[in-house]
Amino acid sequence: MNQSCPGTNTGWNRVLLKRMRAATILILALILVSGTVTLRIAGESESGGITDLDGINVAVYGGGGAASHSARALISLFEWMNASVDMIAARNVLDGELEDCDILAYPGGSAMEYYSELGQEGLNITRNFVSDGGSYVGICGGATFACRYYLGFFNGSTGYAPYTGTGPYLINMTVNRQCAGPDLSDLPENITTMYWGSAYFVPREGTEIHPIASYGVNGEAGMLSFKHGQDTVFMSSPHPEYEEGSDRDDTAFYDHLNDPDSEWELLRRVMIWLVEESSIPPELHPTQSDMTTTLVLGSVGLAGVTVVVIAIIYRKR
C-alpha cells in the first residue's frame, strides 16, 4: 500500500499558499492599474478640462418665428458635441420646462416673433434661466433677441455690416486668436461663414465682451461671448451653424454655396467656455461617464473584497 511521506501535504499547502499570495498581489496590482486608466472620464481631457458637451442638456427653440433649417442645424451641431438636445416651443418655456437645461439656444429667425410667442412672461422666464446659471446661445434673430429691446443681455448697440444686399452668401471673417475668453489660439486666422442680413455688435463703454470673429470689411465683431453676471452668453449675427456643402447639419439649406471650411470647431470651443464659465458646473448632471466611473469603482471594490476573502481562506488552511 502506498503511503505519503510524513509532512508532504503540509509542504504542498505552504507552496500553494505562497503561490496564492503572489497571485493575489498580482491581481490586486492589475485591478489598481486598470482602475486608474479607466477612471479618466469621457468628455474630459488629461488636464481636467472638458472636451465636449457630454452630460450637458441643450434646448433649441423651434417654435413660432424660428427658421426650421437653422434650428435643425443647431440640433445637429450640439449632437455632434455629444450633448443631449431637445427642440422646444414657447409653451415649453412658459410651462417651466427649462429647469434641467444647461444651454438655451435661439436659432435664426425673427426676434419680434419670438417676443410675440413668449410674451413678457416668457422673456422673464428666459432671463431667470440665465441668471440662475444657464447659458444662452443666439444666432441671427436669436442674437437680436438677446439685445436691449428684448432680453437685454447685451449692453450695447448693433449696426448692419456693409455688405451688398441681405444675402445669403458667404463672407470672410477674422478669428480672434488672442481671445481672453474661449481658447481660439490654434484655430485658423480666417473663416468663411454665411452672411444673411447680419449685424455687428458695439458694446457700451466699460462693458466687457470677448470678440470671437469680426467682419473683414470693418473689423467689427459679428460673433461675441460674454459673462452676464455669473452666467454666459454667445451671440452670432452670421450663421456658423450651417455646414454649406455638407449634409451633417441635417439641412440642404444653401448647400450649393459650398463652404470651404467648417465653423463647428470654433463653436465647440465657445460652447465649452460657456459651460465652464457658467455658475452651474456640468458635474451636477449625471452623465454616461459618471455611470461608467461608478461601475468601475464598484468592480474594483468587489474584486478587492474577493481577493481578500480568498487570501484569508488559504491563510487559515
Protein backbone atom coordinates (compact mmCIF):
# COMPACT_ATOMS: atom_id res chain seq x y z
CA MET A 1 0.00 0.00 0.00
CA ASN A 2 1.41 3.40 -1.00
CA GLN A 3 1.67 5.95 1.75
CA SER A 4 2.58 9.61 1.58
CA CYS A 5 5.74 10.70 3.30
CA PRO A 6 5.22 12.50 6.59
CA GLY A 7 4.90 16.30 6.09
CA THR A 8 4.31 16.09 2.32
CA ASN A 9 0.75 17.61 2.46
CA THR A 10 1.93 20.34 4.81
CA GLY A 11 4.77 21.28 2.48
CA TRP A 12 2.47 21.32 -0.55
CA ASN A 13 -0.01 23.58 1.29
CA ARG A 14 2.79 26.02 2.09
CA VAL A 15 3.85 26.13 -1.55
CA LEU A 16 0.23 26.59 -2.62
CA LEU A 17 -0.26 29.36 -0.07
CA LYS A 18 2.80 31.23 -1.33
CA ARG A 19 1.57 30.93 -4.90
CA MET A 20 -1.87 32.20 -3.91
CA ARG A 21 -0.35 35.17 -2.11
CA ALA A 22 1.74 36.02 -5.17
CA ALA A 23 -1.31 35.67 -7.42
CA THR A 24 -3.33 37.85 -5.05
CA ILE A 25 -0.74 40.62 -5.18
CA LEU A 26 -0.60 40.39 -8.99
CA ILE A 27 -4.38 40.50 -9.38
CA LEU A 28 -4.67 43.46 -6.99
CA ALA A 29 -1.96 45.34 -8.88
CA LEU A 30 -3.72 44.72 -12.21
CA ILE A 31 -7.02 45.93 -10.76
CA LEU A 32 -5.44 49.14 -9.46
CA VAL A 33 -3.72 49.83 -12.79
CA SER A 34 -6.84 49.15 -14.88
CA GLY A 35 -8.95 51.20 -12.48
CA THR A 36 -6.59 54.15 -12.75
CA VAL A 37 -6.69 54.03 -16.55
CA THR A 38 -10.46 53.60 -16.79
CA LEU A 39 -11.25 56.38 -14.34
CA ARG A 40 -10.48 59.04 -16.93
CA ILE A 41 -13.94 60.38 -17.65
CA ALA A 42 -15.10 60.59 -21.25
CA GLY A 43 -15.57 64.17 -22.36
CA GLU A 44 -12.67 65.27 -20.16
CA SER A 45 -9.09 65.90 -21.19
CA GLU A 46 -5.96 64.76 -19.37
CA SER A 47 -5.62 68.26 -17.92
CA GLY A 48 -9.14 68.09 -16.46
CA GLY A 49 -10.95 70.44 -18.85
CA ILE A 50 -14.00 69.20 -20.73
CA THR A 51 -13.61 68.44 -24.43
CA ASP A 52 -17.25 68.13 -25.46
CA LEU A 53 -20.78 68.57 -24.09
CA ASP A 54 -21.28 65.06 -22.72
CA GLY A 55 -23.85 65.36 -19.92
CA ILE A 56 -24.99 68.84 -20.97
CA ASN A 57 -28.69 69.37 -21.69
CA VAL A 58 -29.47 71.75 -24.55
CA ALA A 59 -32.85 73.18 -25.54
CA VAL A 60 -33.14 74.56 -29.08
CA TYR A 61 -36.13 76.82 -29.68
CA GLY A 62 -38.12 75.71 -32.71
CA GLY A 63 -41.41 77.49 -32.10
CA GLY A 64 -43.01 80.46 -33.82
CA GLY A 65 -40.52 82.77 -35.51
CA ALA A 66 -37.70 80.21 -35.73
CA ALA A 67 -36.18 79.24 -39.07
CA SER A 68 -36.58 75.46 -39.08
CA HIS A 69 -33.38 74.83 -41.06
CA SER A 70 -31.35 76.91 -38.59
CA ALA A 71 -32.90 75.02 -35.66
CA ARG A 72 -32.10 71.67 -37.30
CA ALA A 73 -28.53 72.74 -37.94
CA LEU A 74 -28.13 73.76 -34.29
CA ILE A 75 -29.52 70.44 -33.11
CA SER A 76 -27.03 68.59 -35.34
CA LEU A 77 -24.23 70.82 -34.07
CA PHE A 78 -24.97 70.12 -30.40
CA GLU A 79 -25.44 66.40 -31.04
CA TRP A 80 -22.02 66.41 -32.72
CA MET A 81 -20.72 67.79 -29.43
CA ASN A 82 -22.35 64.83 -27.57
CA ALA A 83 -24.96 66.99 -25.83
CA SER A 84 -28.49 65.83 -25.06
CA VAL A 85 -30.71 68.01 -27.25
CA ASP A 86 -34.43 68.77 -27.25
CA MET A 87 -36.40 71.06 -29.53
CA ILE A 88 -38.83 73.23 -27.60
CA ALA A 89 -41.61 75.70 -28.34
CA ALA A 90 -42.99 78.69 -26.46
CA ARG A 91 -45.34 76.50 -24.42
CA ASN A 92 -42.38 74.53 -23.06
CA VAL A 93 -40.73 77.73 -21.88
CA LEU A 94 -43.95 79.01 -20.32
CA ASP A 95 -44.61 75.64 -18.64
CA GLY A 96 -41.29 75.83 -16.80
CA GLU A 97 -39.52 73.07 -18.73
CA LEU A 98 -36.10 74.75 -18.67
CA GLU A 99 -35.22 73.55 -15.18
CA ASP A 100 -32.98 70.70 -16.35
CA CYS A 101 -31.49 72.69 -19.20
CA ASP A 102 -27.90 73.97 -19.29
CA ILE A 103 -27.90 75.81 -22.63
CA LEU A 104 -30.85 77.54 -24.27
CA ALA A 105 -30.34 78.25 -27.97
CA TYR A 106 -32.43 80.52 -30.19
CA PRO A 107 -31.72 79.97 -33.90
CA GLY A 108 -32.01 82.28 -36.85
CA GLY A 109 -35.47 83.75 -37.22
CA SER A 110 -37.45 86.76 -36.08
CA ALA A 111 -36.78 88.29 -32.67
CA MET A 112 -40.10 90.12 -32.90
CA GLU A 113 -41.97 86.85 -33.45
CA TYR A 114 -40.07 85.26 -30.57
CA TYR A 115 -41.39 88.03 -28.37
CA SER A 116 -44.93 87.64 -29.76
CA GLU A 117 -44.86 83.92 -28.96
CA LEU A 118 -43.33 84.19 -25.50
CA GLY A 119 -44.69 87.49 -24.24
CA GLN A 120 -43.29 89.27 -21.21
CA GLU A 121 -43.71 86.16 -19.09
CA GLY A 122 -41.55 84.12 -21.45
CA LEU A 123 -38.90 86.84 -21.51
CA ASN A 124 -38.78 86.87 -17.72
CA ILE A 125 -38.50 83.07 -17.60
CA THR A 126 -35.62 83.19 -20.08
CA ARG A 127 -33.89 85.94 -18.10
CA ASN A 128 -34.30 83.96 -14.89
CA PHE A 129 -32.94 80.86 -16.61
CA VAL A 130 -29.73 82.69 -17.41
CA SER A 131 -29.47 84.45 -14.04
CA ASP A 132 -29.92 81.07 -12.33
CA GLY A 133 -26.89 79.62 -14.08
CA GLY A 134 -27.96 78.76 -17.61
CA SER A 135 -26.12 79.72 -20.79
CA TYR A 136 -27.73 81.49 -23.75
CA VAL A 137 -26.86 80.99 -27.41
CA GLY A 138 -28.37 83.28 -30.03
CA ILE A 139 -27.88 83.06 -33.80
CA CYS A 140 -29.02 85.89 -36.12
CA GLY A 141 -32.56 86.64 -34.86
CA GLY A 142 -31.65 84.80 -31.67
CA ALA A 143 -28.74 87.20 -31.21
CA THR A 144 -31.03 90.18 -31.78
CA PHE A 145 -33.38 88.66 -29.21
CA ALA A 146 -30.57 88.91 -26.63
CA CYS A 147 -30.21 92.66 -27.19
CA ARG A 148 -31.62 95.61 -25.31
CA TYR A 149 -35.17 95.74 -26.68
CA TYR A 150 -35.92 92.14 -25.75
CA LEU A 151 -33.92 90.09 -23.24
CA GLY A 152 -31.37 92.81 -22.51
CA PHE A 153 -28.37 90.51 -22.08
CA PHE A 154 -26.12 92.53 -24.39
CA ASN A 155 -25.26 96.00 -23.16
CA GLY A 156 -24.60 97.82 -26.40
CA SER A 157 -25.86 98.65 -29.86
CA THR A 158 -25.91 96.99 -33.27
CA GLY A 159 -25.25 98.06 -36.84
CA TYR A 160 -25.57 96.32 -40.17
CA ALA A 161 -22.36 95.12 -41.75
CA PRO A 162 -21.58 96.98 -45.01
CA TYR A 163 -22.19 94.17 -47.48
CA THR A 164 -24.24 94.34 -50.66
CA GLY A 165 -27.84 93.28 -50.15
CA THR A 166 -29.06 90.95 -47.46
CA GLY A 167 -27.73 87.66 -48.85
CA PRO A 168 -27.49 84.90 -48.04
CA TYR A 169 -23.94 84.45 -49.31
CA LEU A 170 -20.56 83.54 -47.88
CA ILE A 171 -18.23 86.12 -46.33
CA ASN A 172 -14.80 86.04 -44.72
CA MET A 173 -14.39 86.73 -41.01
CA THR A 174 -11.29 87.08 -38.86
CA VAL A 175 -10.99 84.83 -35.81
CA ASN A 176 -9.82 86.48 -32.60
CA ARG A 177 -7.00 84.09 -31.76
CA GLN A 178 -5.98 86.31 -28.83
CA CYS A 179 -9.42 85.93 -27.27
CA ALA A 180 -9.37 86.20 -23.47
CA GLY A 181 -12.48 84.03 -23.25
CA PRO A 182 -12.78 80.83 -25.32
CA ASP A 183 -9.42 79.39 -26.36
CA LEU A 184 -9.17 80.09 -30.09
CA SER A 185 -5.39 80.38 -30.21
CA ASP A 186 -4.71 77.45 -32.56
CA LEU A 187 -7.64 77.96 -34.94
CA PRO A 188 -7.26 79.30 -38.49
CA GLU A 189 -7.00 83.07 -38.68
CA ASN A 190 -9.93 83.33 -41.10
CA ILE A 191 -13.22 81.50 -41.54
CA THR A 192 -15.88 81.58 -44.23
CA THR A 193 -19.44 81.75 -42.96
CA MET A 194 -22.93 82.68 -44.14
CA TYR A 195 -24.00 86.30 -44.14
CA TRP A 196 -27.75 86.89 -44.17
CA GLY A 197 -28.57 90.49 -43.39
CA SER A 198 -26.19 90.13 -40.46
CA ALA A 199 -25.25 92.80 -37.95
CA TYR A 200 -22.24 93.72 -35.84
CA PHE A 201 -22.18 94.46 -32.12
CA VAL A 202 -20.77 97.53 -30.38
CA PRO A 203 -20.60 97.24 -26.57
CA ARG A 204 -21.11 100.28 -24.42
CA GLU A 205 -18.00 101.75 -22.86
CA GLY A 206 -16.90 99.70 -19.88
CA THR A 207 -18.79 96.58 -20.98
CA GLU A 208 -16.51 93.55 -21.11
CA ILE A 209 -17.03 91.19 -24.05
CA HIS A 210 -14.94 88.59 -25.84
CA PRO A 211 -14.97 89.16 -29.61
CA ILE A 212 -14.95 85.75 -31.32
CA ALA A 213 -14.91 86.72 -35.00
CA SER A 214 -15.06 90.06 -36.78
CA TYR A 215 -16.03 91.18 -40.28
CA GLY A 216 -13.15 91.63 -42.67
CA VAL A 217 -14.65 94.81 -44.15
CA ASN A 218 -14.83 96.88 -40.96
CA GLY A 219 -13.24 94.90 -38.12
CA GLU A 220 -16.44 94.94 -36.05
CA ALA A 221 -17.45 91.88 -34.04
CA GLY A 222 -20.14 89.71 -35.62
CA MET A 223 -19.69 86.96 -33.04
CA LEU A 224 -19.02 87.52 -29.36
CA SER A 225 -19.30 85.91 -25.97
CA PHE A 226 -19.51 87.44 -22.53
CA LYS A 227 -20.48 86.85 -18.96
CA HIS A 228 -23.87 88.16 -17.89
CA GLY A 229 -23.39 88.43 -14.15
CA GLN A 230 -22.14 84.97 -13.23
CA ASP A 231 -23.55 83.37 -16.36
CA THR A 232 -22.65 83.21 -20.03
CA VAL A 233 -23.94 84.31 -23.43
CA PHE A 234 -22.85 83.72 -27.03
CA MET A 235 -24.23 85.82 -29.89
CA SER A 236 -23.59 85.43 -33.61
CA SER A 237 -25.35 87.51 -36.21
CA PRO A 238 -23.95 85.48 -39.15
CA HIS A 239 -24.72 81.76 -39.44
CA PRO A 240 -21.83 79.49 -38.36
CA GLU A 241 -24.26 76.65 -37.60
CA TYR A 242 -24.72 75.80 -41.29
CA GLU A 243 -22.36 73.35 -42.99
CA GLU A 244 -22.76 74.52 -46.58
CA GLY A 245 -21.77 71.73 -48.92
CA SER A 246 -22.21 69.04 -46.26
CA ASP A 247 -25.22 67.08 -45.05
CA ARG A 248 -24.09 66.65 -41.44
CA ASP A 249 -26.12 69.71 -40.40
CA ASP A 250 -29.32 67.85 -41.42
CA THR A 251 -30.37 70.56 -43.85
CA ALA A 252 -29.72 71.25 -47.52
CA PHE A 253 -30.22 74.97 -46.97
CA TYR A 254 -27.88 76.80 -49.38
CA ASP A 255 -25.63 73.77 -49.74
CA HIS A 256 -24.78 75.00 -53.24
CA LEU A 257 -22.60 77.69 -51.63
CA ASN A 258 -20.00 75.01 -50.86
CA ASP A 259 -18.30 76.49 -47.79
CA PRO A 260 -14.58 75.56 -47.94
CA ASP A 261 -14.28 75.18 -44.17
CA SER A 262 -16.33 74.44 -41.04
CA GLU A 263 -17.06 76.71 -38.12
CA TRP A 264 -18.14 73.86 -35.85
CA GLU A 265 -14.77 73.52 -34.14
CA LEU A 266 -14.82 77.22 -33.30
CA LEU A 267 -18.33 76.80 -31.90
CA ARG A 268 -17.22 73.78 -29.86
CA ARG A 269 -14.56 75.94 -28.18
CA VAL A 270 -17.14 78.61 -27.45
CA MET A 271 -19.72 76.17 -26.02
CA ILE A 272 -17.11 74.60 -23.74
CA TRP A 273 -16.27 78.07 -22.45
CA LEU A 274 -19.94 78.82 -21.83
CA VAL A 275 -20.32 75.68 -19.73
CA GLU A 276 -17.05 76.06 -17.84
CA GLU A 277 -17.74 79.71 -17.00
CA SER A 278 -21.38 79.19 -16.05
CA SER A 279 -22.28 79.17 -12.36
CA ILE A 280 -23.82 75.67 -12.75
CA PRO A 281 -20.95 73.19 -13.09
CA PRO A 282 -21.65 70.31 -15.50
CA GLU A 283 -20.76 67.71 -12.87
CA LEU A 284 -24.14 68.36 -11.23
CA HIS A 285 -25.72 66.48 -14.12
CA PRO A 286 -25.14 62.71 -14.12
CA THR A 287 -23.61 61.50 -17.37
CA GLN A 288 -22.84 58.22 -19.03
CA SER A 289 -19.27 58.86 -17.96
CA ASP A 290 -20.36 59.22 -14.34
CA MET A 291 -22.18 55.88 -14.54
CA THR A 292 -19.12 54.26 -16.13
CA THR A 293 -16.94 55.59 -13.33
CA THR A 294 -19.35 54.27 -10.71
CA LEU A 295 -19.36 50.83 -12.32
CA VAL A 296 -15.57 50.78 -12.45
CA LEU A 297 -15.26 51.76 -8.81
CA GLY A 298 -17.82 49.14 -7.84
CA SER A 299 -15.98 46.47 -9.81
CA VAL A 300 -12.66 47.41 -8.23
CA GLY A 301 -14.18 47.24 -4.75
CA LEU A 302 -15.87 43.90 -5.38
CA ALA A 303 -12.75 42.37 -6.88
CA GLY A 304 -10.67 43.63 -3.96
CA VAL A 305 -13.03 42.09 -1.42
CA THR A 306 -12.95 38.78 -3.33
CA VAL A 307 -9.15 38.72 -3.30
CA VAL A 308 -9.01 39.43 0.43
CA VAL A 309 -11.53 36.66 1.18
CA ILE A 310 -9.54 34.14 -0.87
CA ALA A 311 -6.33 35.12 0.89
CA ILE A 312 -7.95 34.70 4.32
CA ILE A 313 -9.32 31.27 3.41
CA TYR A 314 -5.96 29.98 2.27
CA ARG A 315 -4.17 31.55 5.22
CA LYS A 316 -6.44 29.60 7.56
CA ARG A 317 -5.57 26.41 5.70
